[in-house]
Amino acid sequence: MAVIGANAGGFTKKQVIISASFFMYCVTNIITPQTFLGREAPEYHTGLQFIMILCFASWTSMRLENRRRDKKADTDPAYTTGDENLDILSGLRDETDRQNKHFRYSG
């Protein structure tokens, strides 16, 4: 849950994201076993494909957003990261990850 919280900016948004992630974790634990079909034992192609698609979609969306912000940093100095003090202070202003131009997703 801590890693999920690291990918959200703003104190309130971070708590909402962690709560929603825990809820989705519970729902996923109900749905995922249904994708592991007994007739596919021991490979379980359907279940593994389901998990890989979920992981890849999450990773891709974070990667694309980071790439978009890095391209904006080339033209807009407000998006530039690297100054550690400024990056830390940006995280303490209670801005969401969309508002904080220094924010980059980890993942």
Protein backbone atom coordinates (compact mmCIF):
# COMPACT_ATOMS: atom_id res chain seq x y z
CA MET A 1 0.00 0.00 0.00
CA ALA A 2 2.93 2.36 0.62
CA VAL A 3 4.09 2.09 -2.99
CA ILE A 4 0.59 2.92 -4.20
CA GLY A 5 0.56 5.98 -1.94
CA ALA A 6 3.88 7.08 -3.40
CA ASN A 7 2.20 7.40 -6.80
CA ALA A 8 -0.27 10.04 -5.64
CA GLY A 9 0.32 13.65 -4.70
CA GLY A 10 -1.61 15.59 -2.08
CA PHE A 11 -2.43 14.38 1.40
CA THR A 12 -6.17 13.88 0.91
CA LYS A 13 -5.84 12.36 -2.54
CA LYS A 14 -3.17 9.98 -1.23
CA GLN A 15 -5.54 8.67 1.47
CA VAL A 16 -8.41 8.29 -1.01
CA ILE A 17 -6.15 6.45 -3.47
CA ILE A 18 -4.89 4.09 -0.75
CA SER A 19 -8.46 3.37 0.40
CA ALA A 20 -9.69 2.82 -3.16
CA SER A 21 -6.67 0.61 -3.88
CA PHE A 22 -7.42 -1.53 -0.84
CA PHE A 23 -11.03 -1.89 -2.02
CA MET A 24 -9.85 -2.86 -5.53
CA TYR A 25 -7.35 -5.27 -3.96
CA CYS A 26 -10.27 -7.00 -2.23
CA VAL A 27 -12.36 -7.07 -5.43
CA THR A 28 -9.38 -8.39 -7.41
CA ASN A 29 -8.90 -11.16 -4.87
CA ILE A 30 -12.48 -12.22 -5.58
CA ILE A 31 -12.25 -11.97 -9.39
CA THR A 32 -8.74 -13.29 -10.09
CA PRO A 33 -9.25 -16.85 -8.79
CA GLN A 34 -12.17 -17.15 -11.21
CA THR A 35 -9.73 -16.67 -14.12
CA PHE A 36 -7.61 -19.66 -13.08
CA LEU A 37 -9.63 -22.41 -14.73
CA GLY A 38 -9.24 -25.98 -13.48
CA ARG A 39 -9.24 -27.43 -17.00
CA GLU A 40 -6.06 -25.41 -17.79
CA ALA A 41 -4.03 -26.93 -14.93
CA PRO A 42 -1.07 -26.72 -14.41
CA GLU A 43 -0.33 -23.84 -16.84
CA TYR A 44 -3.41 -21.64 -16.18
CA HIS A 45 -3.04 -19.56 -19.34
CA THR A 46 -6.18 -17.47 -18.81
CA GLY A 47 -5.30 -16.48 -15.24
CA LEU A 48 -1.71 -15.60 -16.06
CA GLN A 49 -2.78 -13.57 -19.09
CA PHE A 50 -5.29 -11.68 -16.96
CA ILE A 51 -2.63 -10.77 -14.39
CA MET A 52 -0.06 -9.83 -17.02
CA ILE A 53 -2.55 -7.56 -18.82
CA LEU A 54 -3.43 -5.77 -15.56
CA CYS A 55 0.23 -5.24 -14.67
CA PHE A 56 1.18 -4.13 -18.17
CA ALA A 57 -1.72 -1.66 -18.41
CA SER A 58 -0.78 -0.07 -15.08
CA TRP A 59 2.91 0.16 -15.96
CA THR A 60 2.17 1.55 -19.43
CA SER A 61 -0.12 4.30 -18.16
CA MET A 62 2.48 5.49 -15.64
CA ARG A 63 5.25 5.30 -18.20
CA LEU A 64 3.29 7.33 -20.78
CA GLU A 65 2.45 10.03 -18.24
CA ASN A 66 6.11 10.27 -17.15
CA ARG A 67 7.19 10.53 -20.78
CA ARG A 68 4.61 13.27 -21.41
CA ARG A 69 5.88 15.25 -18.41
CA ASP A 70 9.51 14.78 -19.45
CA LYS A 71 8.71 16.15 -22.93
CA LYS A 72 6.98 19.14 -21.36
CA ALA A 73 10.09 19.70 -19.22
CA ASP A 74 12.07 20.34 -22.42
CA THR A 75 9.94 23.39 -23.23
CA ASP A 76 8.51 24.42 -19.85
CA PRO A 77 11.02 24.82 -16.98
CA ALA A 78 8.20 24.39 -14.43
CA TYR A 79 8.17 20.65 -15.25
CA THR A 80 11.92 20.18 -14.78
CA THR A 81 12.98 17.86 -11.96
CA GLY A 82 16.37 17.29 -10.44
CA ASP A 83 16.63 19.99 -7.78
CA GLU A 84 16.06 17.73 -4.79
CA ASN A 85 14.96 20.50 -2.41
CA LEU A 86 12.43 21.87 -4.90
CA ASP A 87 11.08 18.37 -5.60
CA ILE A 88 10.62 17.71 -1.87
CA LEU A 89 8.97 21.09 -1.26
CA SER A 90 6.62 20.48 -4.18
CA GLY A 91 5.49 17.29 -2.47
CA LEU A 92 4.71 19.13 0.77
CA ARG A 93 2.36 21.72 -0.77
CA ASP A 94 -0.60 19.32 -0.74
CA GLU A 95 -0.92 19.41 -4.52
CA THR A 96 -2.27 16.43 -6.39
CA ASP A 97 -0.06 14.53 -8.81
CA ARG A 98 -1.81 16.38 -11.66
CA GLN A 99 -1.14 19.81 -10.12
CA ASN A 100 2.46 19.15 -9.08
CA LYS A 101 4.57 19.57 -12.21
CA HIS A 102 7.62 17.98 -10.55
CA PHE A 103 5.76 14.75 -9.78
CA ARG A 104 6.85 11.56 -11.56
CA TYR A 105 5.26 8.14 -11.11
CA SER A 106 7.42 5.34 -9.77
CA GLY A 107 6.92 1.98 -11.32
